[in-house]
Amino acid sequence: MKRPRKGGVRYHPKVSMGKVQSLAFWMTFKCAALGLPFGGAKGGITVNPKALSRMELERLSRGYIDAIADFIGPDVDILAPDVYTNSMIMGWMMDEYNIIRRHICPAVVTGKPISMGGSLGREAATAMGAYFVIEAMLPKFDQVPQATTVAIQGFGNAGGILAKLMFAAGYQVVAVSDSKGGVYAKQGLDIPSVWRRKQATRGIQEPYCDGSVCETKDYDLLTNEELLKLDVDVLIPAALENQITEVNAPDIKAKLIFEVANGPTTSGADKILESQGIYVFPDILVNAGGVTVSYFEWVQNRSGLYWSLEEVNQRLKSRIVEEAEHIWAIARDLTVPLRTAAYIHAISRLGEAISTKGTRDYYLNGHSKQFTSLDPRTD
């Protein structure tokens, strides 16, 4: 029996068949790198969800499930949130699948509301997993939080939550941005206040009030492109694909890059960054917290036994840090980039799974006659 496939559903104007296939490819290797019992999958709708009313968004989401219900299921293909989808949309999708199948099946979708069988910790899982990787890897470069400057491109569910986690741990988060632009402060940003502003106005490039005392923050405005080129210790692309390219890679000054977005660095840029001595911790490791806790949610749905937030986070930390250390060791021992090491780690697991499933190699090596002679009817 094939393993079920796992991947998110993306609502975005630039969704295409090619992009969905690429994302599914990454999901395959991400699950293998983290030792999860899933293949990769992805889905999407080419749409601008911000132009839709709530009712239109719900009708679109339910219509999507109506179209694909025969091809998904807890043992076939399990959905999850991605860009511009969230727990509310996942809840609609699960409910529509239940209506079609005429029974309750929470394990078909992960990232659901807690009231519908979702897992504690799932919403923050991508950011939390990235945070655990960063915390485990930075000591290898003699970096401590208080002396580490950070720039984060993307201030949504992943980048925004990660910014809050790093701010609380004492990191100097000097710049953040969203799709409209970003803000910068050499001495560090007040991330909780920027987050409140973002939630209140859906933008971060304006002065804002902190509590009852209104203060105009003296932050500089900058573009997403300018953020990538800042002279910081850690750069975190947490937005969309293809942000670091051959064009801007020569201008990257960060010492370490942690990819929270899927595919933010092109292959051409990878070579340039490597030549500059910049360490790139790849997406299939850094942002794997989301799919890992989705796996936990699937397990909880199947067993009917639900875990505390502390247990979820501890299980996530244990798994993702262990895999990060494996990948770091491969990169060190084979003298290869971290991205190559991550794929070596994943491919070794995929290869083992494939080779143990059948006798293809046996036949290719010319043993078919020997196999035939074992038929008791030939004795």
Foldseek 3Di string as FASTA:
>chain_A
DAAAEEEEEAEEQPDDPVVQVVQQCLSQLLCLLLVHRHHGGYHYDNHDCVVDDPVRLLVVLLVVCVVCLVQFALRYYAYEHDHPDAQVSQQSSQVSSCVVVVHRGLLNYERHPVVNLHAPPLQAQLQLLLLLLCVLPVVVVVDDQQPFEEEEEACPSRRVSNVVVSVVRNHADAKYAHPVWIWGDPRHDPSVQQVVVCVVPVHRPFQAQDPPRGDGDPIDTGGSLVSQLDQGQEYEYQYEAQQQELVCLVSGRHQEYEYSYAHNYDPNSVVSCVVVNHAYQDNSQNRSSNVVVSSVSSVCSVVVNGDDNVVSSVVSSVSSSVSSVQLVVQCVVVVHGSVVSSSVSSVVSVVVVVVVPDCPVVVVVPCPVVVVVVPVVND
